[in-house]
């Protein structure tokens, strides 16, 4: 794409990359923006050019990187999107629980939403991670930082049902191949992969939502947003999410105006009539 843009604008058509100047790259970026491309798309194309010119520099084909000093367009970081409470409730009912896979899938959905945990954290869960008597799971988060996450009554109920069916399924498996310590297994007794869990979640969320992005992280976003919208303390939600700083948690704080007005009216001395 850059080559098509470049050829009419340079004198030496045999070796165009040798004569590329910063102004050519800036003009290319401006052309993309005028065509209405998203800032993130333009930034990605510019990053690809930088990588190409760095490579050519290492190979001795270029003296300087003409894209190195060209600033990337400002890409606004989108606030995490969450699902409405009603859609989450519908999603929990989507798996066909008369089958082992459906019973397992419901437990996965409930743990994601009930515990607010990350995809990698769920995949790594073992039987020893569970404390159903206390209603908690032990999670190994980013940076190998361990935390205890409450999961709620519905997740506990779904896990108990799944564990009972899981034990029955394992009796039919080749025990020499079974990963018995892993919590979430396939029908052969193997720990589920990250990609498999992603597909499971996306399939069931797709049954209740037409949004483009329906990853496990949407349930984590929903967990945080629903807690905050119900008046939960930001610091407490930070700990539940396993965030290192409040800055990461603050991206989840776009609650409704009505909720903010209700909090203001209740908490501020001059907020209520």
C-alpha atoms as a PDB file:
ATOM      1  CA  UNK A   1       0.000   0.000   0.000  1.00  0.00           C
ATOM      2  CA  UNK A   2       2.836   2.377   0.827  1.00  0.00           C
ATOM      3  CA  UNK A   3       4.570   1.421  -2.437  1.00  0.00           C
ATOM      4  CA  UNK A   4       1.459   2.276  -4.457  1.00  0.00           C
ATOM      5  CA  UNK A   5       1.314   5.605  -2.669  1.00  0.00           C
ATOM      6  CA  UNK A   6       5.037   6.198  -3.101  1.00  0.00           C
ATOM      7  CA  UNK A   7       5.699   5.502  -6.789  1.00  0.00           C
ATOM      8  CA  UNK A   8       4.014   8.628  -8.255  1.00  0.00           C
ATOM      9  CA  UNK A   9       5.880  10.804  -5.744  1.00  0.00           C
ATOM     10  CA  UNK A  10       9.535   9.862  -6.246  1.00  0.00           C
ATOM     11  CA  UNK A  11      11.946  10.435  -9.118  1.00  0.00           C
ATOM     12  CA  UNK A  12      13.907   7.178  -8.925  1.00  0.00           C
ATOM     13  CA  UNK A  13      11.403   4.380  -9.566  1.00  0.00           C
ATOM     14  CA  UNK A  14      14.074   1.671  -9.547  1.00  0.00           C
ATOM     15  CA  UNK A  15      15.076   2.097  -5.898  1.00  0.00           C
ATOM     16  CA  UNK A  16      12.209   4.005  -4.273  1.00  0.00           C
ATOM     17  CA  UNK A  17      12.997   2.945  -0.708  1.00  0.00           C
ATOM     18  CA  UNK A  18      16.445   4.526  -0.905  1.00  0.00           C
ATOM     19  CA  UNK A  19      14.933   7.933  -1.622  1.00  0.00           C
ATOM     20  CA  UNK A  20      12.085   7.820   0.896  1.00  0.00           C
ATOM     21  CA  UNK A  21      12.097  10.815   3.206  1.00  0.00           C
ATOM     22  CA  UNK A  22      10.215  11.529   6.400  1.00  0.00           C
ATOM     23  CA  UNK A  23       7.929  13.823   4.385  1.00  0.00           C
ATOM     24  CA  UNK A  24       6.822  10.876   2.231  1.00  0.00           C
ATOM     25  CA  UNK A  25       5.840   8.878   5.308  1.00  0.00           C
ATOM     26  CA  UNK A  26       4.040  11.861   6.817  1.00  0.00           C
ATOM     27  CA  UNK A  27       2.130  12.356   3.568  1.00  0.00           C
ATOM     28  CA  UNK A  28       1.195   8.655   3.541  1.00  0.00           C
ATOM     29  CA  UNK A  29      -0.148   8.893   7.093  1.00  0.00           C
ATOM     30  CA  UNK A  30      -2.112  12.036   6.199  1.00  0.00           C
ATOM     31  CA  UNK A  31      -3.546  10.283   3.132  1.00  0.00           C
ATOM     32  CA  UNK A  32      -4.735   7.350   5.235  1.00  0.00           C
ATOM     33  CA  UNK A  33      -6.369   9.692   7.727  1.00  0.00           C
ATOM     34  CA  UNK A  34      -8.101  11.611   4.923  1.00  0.00           C
ATOM     35  CA  UNK A  35      -9.525   8.320   3.662  1.00  0.00           C
ATOM     36  CA  UNK A  36     -11.209   7.884   7.035  1.00  0.00           C
ATOM     37  CA  UNK A  37      -9.188   4.982   8.397  1.00  0.00           C
ATOM     38  CA  UNK A  38      -9.297   4.495  12.143  1.00  0.00           C
ATOM     39  CA  UNK A  39      -6.408   5.884  14.160  1.00  0.00           C
ATOM     40  CA  UNK A  40      -5.567   2.374  15.352  1.00  0.00           C
ATOM     41  CA  UNK A  41      -5.366   1.149  11.740  1.00  0.00           C
ATOM     42  CA  UNK A  42      -3.111   4.039  10.704  1.00  0.00           C
ATOM     43  CA  UNK A  43      -0.885   3.449  13.741  1.00  0.00           C
ATOM     44  CA  UNK A  44      -0.589  -0.239  12.864  1.00  0.00           C
ATOM     45  CA  UNK A  45       0.438   0.534   9.263  1.00  0.00           C
ATOM     46  CA  UNK A  46       2.988   3.086  10.471  1.00  0.00           C
ATOM     47  CA  UNK A  47       4.430   0.543  12.905  1.00  0.00           C
ATOM     48  CA  UNK A  48       4.813  -1.929  10.023  1.00  0.00           C
ATOM     49  CA  UNK A  49       6.728   0.682   8.026  1.00  0.00           C
ATOM     50  CA  UNK A  50       9.022   1.396  10.971  1.00  0.00           C
ATOM     51  CA  UNK A  51       9.778  -2.314  11.264  1.00  0.00           C
ATOM     52  CA  UNK A  52      10.503  -2.580   7.533  1.00  0.00           C
ATOM     53  CA  UNK A  53      12.868   0.387   7.565  1.00  0.00           C
ATOM     54  CA  UNK A  54      14.635  -0.902  10.697  1.00  0.00           C
ATOM     55  CA  UNK A  55      15.249  -4.196   8.923  1.00  0.00           C
ATOM     56  CA  UNK A  56      16.567  -2.415   5.815  1.00  0.00           C
ATOM     57  CA  UNK A  57      18.848  -0.359   8.031  1.00  0.00           C
ATOM     58  CA  UNK A  58      20.299  -3.494   9.623  1.00  0.00           C
ATOM     59  CA  UNK A  59      20.877  -4.921   6.140  1.00  0.00           C
ATOM     60  CA  UNK A  60      22.700  -1.779   5.054  1.00  0.00           C
ATOM     61  CA  UNK A  61      20.087  -0.735   2.500  1.00  0.00           C
ATOM     62  CA  UNK A  62      19.190   2.452   4.386  1.00  0.00           C
ATOM     63  CA  UNK A  63      21.185   4.928   6.434  1.00  0.00           C
ATOM     64  CA  UNK A  64      18.286   6.285   8.497  1.00  0.00           C
ATOM     65  CA  UNK A  65      14.726   5.227   9.280  1.00  0.00           C
ATOM     66  CA  UNK A  66      12.420   7.752   7.559  1.00  0.00           C
ATOM     67  CA  UNK A  67       9.459   6.587   9.644  1.00  0.00           C
ATOM     68  CA  UNK A  68      11.281   6.753  12.957  1.00  0.00           C
ATOM     69  CA  UNK A  69      10.494  10.395  13.667  1.00  0.00           C
ATOM     70  CA  UNK A  70       6.909  10.291  12.375  1.00  0.00           C
ATOM     71  CA  UNK A  71       4.485  10.435  15.271  1.00  0.00           C
ATOM     72  CA  UNK A  72       1.714   7.875  15.542  1.00  0.00           C
ATOM     73  CA  UNK A  73      -1.882   9.120  15.590  1.00  0.00           C
ATOM     74  CA  UNK A  74      -3.438   9.270  19.021  1.00  0.00           C
ATOM     75  CA  UNK A  75      -5.382   6.093  19.668  1.00  0.00           C
ATOM     76  CA  UNK A  76      -7.992   6.462  22.363  1.00  0.00           C
ATOM     77  CA  UNK A  77      -8.136   3.529  24.700  1.00  0.00           C
ATOM     78  CA  UNK A  78     -11.676   2.262  24.684  1.00  0.00           C
ATOM     79  CA  UNK A  79     -13.301   1.711  28.039  1.00  0.00           C
ATOM     80  CA  UNK A  80     -14.037  -1.944  28.702  1.00  0.00           C
ATOM     81  CA  UNK A  81     -17.511  -2.882  27.542  1.00  0.00           C
ATOM     82  CA  UNK A  82     -19.726  -4.996  29.723  1.00  0.00           C
ATOM     83  CA  UNK A  83     -22.864  -6.994  29.154  1.00  0.00           C
ATOM     84  CA  UNK A  84     -26.156  -6.046  30.809  1.00  0.00           C
ATOM     85  CA  UNK A  85     -27.056  -8.093  33.876  1.00  0.00           C
ATOM     86  CA  UNK A  86     -29.987  -9.630  32.002  1.00  0.00           C
ATOM     87  CA  UNK A  87     -27.775 -10.854  29.157  1.00  0.00           C
ATOM     88  CA  UNK A  88     -25.308 -12.407  31.580  1.00  0.00           C
ATOM     89  CA  UNK A  89     -28.173 -14.256  33.263  1.00  0.00           C
ATOM     90  CA  UNK A  90     -29.354 -15.545  29.872  1.00  0.00           C
ATOM     91  CA  UNK A  91     -25.836 -16.659  28.956  1.00  0.00           C
ATOM     92  CA  UNK A  92     -25.600 -18.743  32.111  1.00  0.00           C
ATOM     93  CA  UNK A  93     -28.666 -20.676  30.953  1.00  0.00           C
ATOM     94  CA  UNK A  94     -27.323 -21.229  27.422  1.00  0.00           C
ATOM     95  CA  UNK A  95     -25.291 -24.439  28.007  1.00  0.00           C
ATOM     96  CA  UNK A  96     -27.226 -27.706  27.686  1.00  0.00           C
ATOM     97  CA  UNK A  97     -26.544 -29.104  31.146  1.00  0.00           C
ATOM     98  CA  UNK A  98     -27.920 -32.562  30.407  1.00  0.00           C
ATOM     99  CA  UNK A  99     -24.509 -33.211  28.846  1.00  0.00           C
ATOM    100  CA  UNK A 100     -21.116 -33.202  30.563  1.00  0.00           C
ATOM    101  CA  UNK A 101     -19.808 -30.459  28.286  1.00  0.00           C
ATOM    102  CA  UNK A 102     -22.794 -28.234  29.019  1.00  0.00           C
ATOM    103  CA  UNK A 103     -22.483 -28.741  32.761  1.00  0.00           C
ATOM    104  CA  UNK A 104     -18.790 -27.880  32.531  1.00  0.00           C
ATOM    105  CA  UNK A 105     -19.473 -24.849  30.330  1.00  0.00           C
ATOM    106  CA  UNK A 106     -21.977 -23.427  32.780  1.00  0.00           C
ATOM    107  CA  UNK A 107     -19.458 -23.804  35.601  1.00  0.00           C
ATOM    108  CA  UNK A 108     -16.852 -22.007  33.469  1.00  0.00           C
ATOM    109  CA  UNK A 109     -19.222 -19.112  32.739  1.00  0.00           C
ATOM    110  CA  UNK A 110     -20.248 -18.829  36.382  1.00  0.00           C
ATOM    111  CA  UNK A 111     -16.643 -18.809  37.608  1.00  0.00           C
ATOM    112  CA  UNK A 112     -15.659 -16.145  35.073  1.00  0.00           C
ATOM    113  CA  UNK A 113     -18.556 -13.910  36.076  1.00  0.00           C
ATOM    114  CA  UNK A 114     -18.690 -14.854  39.753  1.00  0.00           C
ATOM    115  CA  UNK A 115     -14.954 -14.478  40.335  1.00  0.00           C
ATOM    116  CA  UNK A 116     -13.973 -11.875  37.749  1.00  0.00           C
ATOM    117  CA  UNK A 117     -10.872 -13.866  36.883  1.00  0.00           C
ATOM    118  CA  UNK A 118      -8.730 -13.776  33.735  1.00  0.00           C
ATOM    119  CA  UNK A 119      -8.685 -16.434  31.018  1.00  0.00           C
ATOM    120  CA  UNK A 120      -5.230 -17.713  31.953  1.00  0.00           C
ATOM    121  CA  UNK A 121      -6.202 -17.823  35.614  1.00  0.00           C
ATOM    122  CA  UNK A 122      -9.237 -19.996  34.905  1.00  0.00           C
ATOM    123  CA  UNK A 123      -7.362 -22.394  32.624  1.00  0.00           C
ATOM    124  CA  UNK A 124      -4.709 -22.895  35.329  1.00  0.00           C
ATOM    125  CA  UNK A 125      -7.214 -23.737  38.082  1.00  0.00           C
ATOM    126  CA  UNK A 126      -6.756 -27.072  39.818  1.00  0.00           C
ATOM    127  CA  UNK A 127      -9.029 -29.018  42.129  1.00  0.00           C
ATOM    128  CA  UNK A 128      -6.788 -27.850  44.952  1.00  0.00           C
ATOM    129  CA  UNK A 129      -7.623 -24.250  44.001  1.00  0.00           C
ATOM    130  CA  UNK A 130     -11.206 -24.713  45.177  1.00  0.00           C
ATOM    131  CA  UNK A 131     -12.594 -24.172  48.643  1.00  0.00           C
ATOM    132  CA  UNK A 132     -16.305 -24.693  48.182  1.00  0.00           C
ATOM    133  CA  UNK A 133     -16.917 -24.598  51.924  1.00  0.00           C
ATOM    134  CA  UNK A 134     -15.654 -21.005  51.978  1.00  0.00           C
ATOM    135  CA  UNK A 135     -16.908 -20.177  48.492  1.00  0.00           C
ATOM    136  CA  UNK A 136     -13.479 -19.133  47.211  1.00  0.00           C
ATOM    137  CA  UNK A 137     -10.866 -20.047  44.634  1.00  0.00           C
ATOM    138  CA  UNK A 138      -7.116 -19.582  44.867  1.00  0.00           C
ATOM    139  CA  UNK A 139      -5.924 -17.768  41.757  1.00  0.00           C
ATOM    140  CA  UNK A 140      -2.398 -17.336  40.428  1.00  0.00           C
ATOM    141  CA  UNK A 141      -2.473 -13.916  38.793  1.00  0.00           C
ATOM    142  CA  UNK A 142      -0.052 -11.797  36.806  1.00  0.00           C
ATOM    143  CA  UNK A 143       3.498 -11.776  38.089  1.00  0.00           C
ATOM    144  CA  UNK A 144       2.843 -15.071  39.912  1.00  0.00           C
ATOM    145  CA  UNK A 145       0.879 -13.124  42.488  1.00  0.00           C
ATOM    146  CA  UNK A 146      -1.580 -15.310  44.352  1.00  0.00           C
ATOM    147  CA  UNK A 147      -4.966 -14.081  45.527  1.00  0.00           C
ATOM    148  CA  UNK A 148      -8.150 -15.528  46.967  1.00  0.00           C
ATOM    149  CA  UNK A 149     -11.284 -14.738  44.967  1.00  0.00           C
ATOM    150  CA  UNK A 150     -14.853 -15.242  46.198  1.00  0.00           C
ATOM    151  CA  UNK A 151     -17.089 -16.820  43.564  1.00  0.00           C
ATOM    152  CA  UNK A 152     -20.643 -16.571  44.876  1.00  0.00           C
ATOM    153  CA  UNK A 153     -23.453 -19.046  45.453  1.00  0.00           C
ATOM    154  CA  UNK A 154     -24.381 -19.666  41.805  1.00  0.00           C
ATOM    155  CA  UNK A 155     -20.813 -20.471  40.815  1.00  0.00           C
ATOM    156  CA  UNK A 156     -20.506 -22.815  43.794  1.00  0.00           C
ATOM    157  CA  UNK A 157     -23.705 -24.591  42.778  1.00  0.00           C
ATOM    158  CA  UNK A 158     -22.540 -24.942  39.171  1.00  0.00           C
ATOM    159  CA  UNK A 159     -19.145 -26.256  40.287  1.00  0.00           C
ATOM    160  CA  UNK A 160     -20.664 -28.860  42.601  1.00  0.00           C
ATOM    161  CA  UNK A 161     -22.853 -30.184  39.777  1.00  0.00           C
ATOM    162  CA  UNK A 162     -19.920 -30.216  37.364  1.00  0.00           C
ATOM    163  CA  UNK A 163     -17.576 -31.965  39.805  1.00  0.00           C
ATOM    164  CA  UNK A 164     -20.087 -34.753  40.358  1.00  0.00           C
ATOM    165  CA  UNK A 165     -20.457 -35.318  36.612  1.00  0.00           C
ATOM    166  CA  UNK A 166     -16.695 -34.924  36.136  1.00  0.00           C
ATOM    167  CA  UNK A 167     -16.024 -37.825  38.508  1.00  0.00           C
ATOM    168  CA  UNK A 168     -18.395 -40.032  36.507  1.00  0.00           C
ATOM    169  CA  UNK A 169     -16.746 -39.114  33.196  1.00  0.00           C
ATOM    170  CA  UNK A 170     -13.246 -39.824  34.522  1.00  0.00           C
ATOM    171  CA  UNK A 171     -14.265 -43.404  35.316  1.00  0.00           C
ATOM    172  CA  UNK A 172     -14.641 -43.943  31.569  1.00  0.00           C
ATOM    173  CA  UNK A 173     -11.263 -42.393  30.668  1.00  0.00           C
ATOM    174  CA  UNK A 174      -7.811 -43.909  30.309  1.00  0.00           C
ATOM    175  CA  UNK A 175      -6.460 -42.844  33.693  1.00  0.00           C
ATOM    176  CA  UNK A 176      -2.880 -42.970  32.434  1.00  0.00           C
ATOM    177  CA  UNK A 177      -3.750 -40.033  30.167  1.00  0.00           C
ATOM    178  CA  UNK A 178      -5.943 -38.075  32.583  1.00  0.00           C
ATOM    179  CA  UNK A 179      -4.810 -34.781  34.130  1.00  0.00           C
ATOM    180  CA  UNK A 180      -6.680 -35.481  37.334  1.00  0.00           C
ATOM    181  CA  UNK A 181      -5.479 -32.380  39.155  1.00  0.00           C
ATOM    182  CA  UNK A 182      -6.852 -29.951  36.575  1.00  0.00           C
ATOM    183  CA  UNK A 183     -10.255 -28.465  37.318  1.00  0.00           C
ATOM    184  CA  UNK A 184     -11.759 -28.013  33.868  1.00  0.00           C
ATOM    185  CA  UNK A 185     -11.333 -31.035  31.592  1.00  0.00           C
ATOM    186  CA  UNK A 186     -12.460 -32.234  28.194  1.00  0.00           C
ATOM    187  CA  UNK A 187     -14.190 -35.568  27.683  1.00  0.00           C
ATOM    188  CA  UNK A 188     -10.830 -37.376  27.587  1.00  0.00           C
ATOM    189  CA  UNK A 189      -9.715 -36.003  30.931  1.00  0.00           C
ATOM    190  CA  UNK A 190      -7.302 -33.386  29.567  1.00  0.00           C
ATOM    191  CA  UNK A 191      -7.028 -29.828  30.853  1.00  0.00           C
ATOM    192  CA  UNK A 192      -8.835 -27.392  28.575  1.00  0.00           C
ATOM    193  CA  UNK A 193      -6.618 -25.082  26.529  1.00  0.00           C
ATOM    194  CA  UNK A 194      -6.946 -21.303  26.461  1.00  0.00           C
ATOM    195  CA  UNK A 195      -8.298 -21.424  22.914  1.00  0.00           C
ATOM    196  CA  UNK A 196     -10.910 -24.023  23.803  1.00  0.00           C
ATOM    197  CA  UNK A 197     -12.158 -21.955  26.733  1.00  0.00           C
ATOM    198  CA  UNK A 198     -12.287 -18.865  24.516  1.00  0.00           C
ATOM    199  CA  UNK A 199     -14.454 -20.724  22.022  1.00  0.00           C
ATOM    200  CA  UNK A 200     -16.734 -22.060  24.745  1.00  0.00           C
ATOM    201  CA  UNK A 201     -17.368 -18.610  26.168  1.00  0.00           C
ATOM    202  CA  UNK A 202     -17.802 -16.970  22.776  1.00  0.00           C
ATOM    203  CA  UNK A 203     -20.296 -19.609  21.650  1.00  0.00           C
ATOM    204  CA  UNK A 204     -22.554 -19.180  24.658  1.00  0.00           C
ATOM    205  CA  UNK A 205     -22.304 -15.382  24.732  1.00  0.00           C
ATOM    206  CA  UNK A 206     -23.114 -15.361  21.018  1.00  0.00           C
ATOM    207  CA  UNK A 207     -26.451 -16.944  21.903  1.00  0.00           C
ATOM    208  CA  UNK A 208     -27.493 -13.804  23.798  1.00  0.00           C
ATOM    209  CA  UNK A 209     -25.521 -10.969  22.172  1.00  0.00           C
ATOM    210  CA  UNK A 210     -24.658  -9.790  18.654  1.00  0.00           C
ATOM    211  CA  UNK A 211     -21.615  -7.764  19.761  1.00  0.00           C
ATOM    212  CA  UNK A 212     -18.360  -8.221  17.865  1.00  0.00           C
ATOM    213  CA  UNK A 213     -16.108  -8.996  20.821  1.00  0.00           C
ATOM    214  CA  UNK A 214     -17.461 -11.703  23.111  1.00  0.00           C
ATOM    215  CA  UNK A 215     -14.368 -12.972  24.861  1.00  0.00           C
ATOM    216  CA  UNK A 216     -13.966 -14.229  28.437  1.00  0.00           C
ATOM    217  CA  UNK A 217     -12.734 -10.727  29.273  1.00  0.00           C
ATOM    218  CA  UNK A 218     -16.251  -9.418  28.644  1.00  0.00           C
ATOM    219  CA  UNK A 219     -17.413 -11.417  31.667  1.00  0.00           C
ATOM    220  CA  UNK A 220     -14.551  -9.971  33.725  1.00  0.00           C
ATOM    221  CA  UNK A 221     -15.577  -6.474  32.604  1.00  0.00           C
ATOM    222  CA  UNK A 222     -19.183  -7.274  33.476  1.00  0.00           C
ATOM    223  CA  UNK A 223     -18.171  -8.565  36.909  1.00  0.00           C
ATOM    224  CA  UNK A 224     -16.398  -5.284  37.700  1.00  0.00           C
ATOM    225  CA  UNK A 225     -18.952  -2.964  36.125  1.00  0.00           C
ATOM    226  CA  UNK A 226     -21.915  -4.612  37.843  1.00  0.00           C
ATOM    227  CA  UNK A 227     -20.181  -4.431  41.225  1.00  0.00           C
ATOM    228  CA  UNK A 228     -19.347  -0.752  40.746  1.00  0.00           C
ATOM    229  CA  UNK A 229     -22.801   0.052  39.425  1.00  0.00           C
ATOM    230  CA  UNK A 230     -24.276  -1.507  42.565  1.00  0.00           C
ATOM    231  CA  UNK A 231     -22.135   0.743  44.762  1.00  0.00           C
ATOM    232  CA  UNK A 232     -19.091  -1.426  45.455  1.00  0.00           C
ATOM    233  CA  UNK A 233     -15.949   0.355  46.626  1.00  0.00           C
ATOM    234  CA  UNK A 234     -13.356   0.914  43.893  1.00  0.00           C
ATOM    235  CA  UNK A 235     -10.482  -0.276  46.099  1.00  0.00           C
ATOM    236  CA  UNK A 236     -12.342  -3.499  46.902  1.00  0.00           C
ATOM    237  CA  UNK A 237     -13.012  -4.130  43.210  1.00  0.00           C
ATOM    238  CA  UNK A 238      -9.314  -3.511  42.506  1.00  0.00           C
ATOM    239  CA  UNK A 239      -8.402  -6.292  44.938  1.00  0.00           C
ATOM    240  CA  UNK A 240     -11.025  -8.639  43.507  1.00  0.00           C
ATOM    241  CA  UNK A 241      -9.697  -8.103  39.986  1.00  0.00           C
ATOM    242  CA  UNK A 242      -6.098  -8.585  41.075  1.00  0.00           C
ATOM    243  CA  UNK A 243      -5.011  -5.214  39.713  1.00  0.00           C
ATOM    244  CA  UNK A 244      -1.692  -3.821  40.901  1.00  0.00           C
ATOM    245  CA  UNK A 245      -2.891  -0.206  40.796  1.00  0.00           C
ATOM    246  CA  UNK A 246      -6.140   1.731  40.927  1.00  0.00           C
ATOM    247  CA  UNK A 247      -5.384   3.194  37.499  1.00  0.00           C
ATOM    248  CA  UNK A 248      -6.151  -0.152  35.866  1.00  0.00           C
ATOM    249  CA  UNK A 249      -9.427  -0.453  37.754  1.00  0.00           C
ATOM    250  CA  UNK A 250     -10.546   3.072  36.919  1.00  0.00           C
ATOM    251  CA  UNK A 251     -11.223   2.063  33.320  1.00  0.00           C
ATOM    252  CA  UNK A 252     -14.156   0.041  34.669  1.00  0.00           C
ATOM    253  CA  UNK A 253     -15.827   3.011  36.342  1.00  0.00           C
ATOM    254  CA  UNK A 254     -18.135   4.270  33.595  1.00  0.00           C
ATOM    255  CA  UNK A 255     -21.316   3.627  35.509  1.00  0.00           C
ATOM    256  CA  UNK A 256     -24.681   5.105  34.658  1.00  0.00           C
ATOM    257  CA  UNK A 257     -25.454   8.778  35.299  1.00  0.00           C
ATOM    258  CA  UNK A 258     -28.511   7.741  37.301  1.00  0.00           C
ATOM    259  CA  UNK A 259     -26.316   5.678  39.615  1.00  0.00           C
ATOM    260  CA  UNK A 260     -23.870   8.547  40.099  1.00  0.00           C
ATOM    261  CA  UNK A 261     -26.737  10.911  40.880  1.00  0.00           C
ATOM    262  CA  UNK A 262     -28.149   8.448  43.407  1.00  0.00           C
ATOM    263  CA  UNK A 263     -24.774   8.109  45.144  1.00  0.00           C
ATOM    264  CA  UNK A 264     -24.365  11.883  45.213  1.00  0.00           C
ATOM    265  CA  UNK A 265     -27.837  12.407  46.650  1.00  0.00           C
ATOM    266  CA  UNK A 266     -27.216   9.823  49.354  1.00  0.00           C
ATOM    267  CA  UNK A 267     -23.664  10.771  50.320  1.00  0.00           C
ATOM    268  CA  UNK A 268     -23.358  14.533  49.926  1.00  0.00           C
ATOM    269  CA  UNK A 269     -24.660  16.750  52.766  1.00  0.00           C
ATOM    270  CA  UNK A 270     -26.461  18.964  50.248  1.00  0.00           C
ATOM    271  CA  UNK A 271     -27.287  16.176  47.818  1.00  0.00           C
ATOM    272  CA  UNK A 272     -30.846  15.412  48.892  1.00  0.00           C
ATOM    273  CA  UNK A 273     -33.864  17.645  49.355  1.00  0.00           C
END
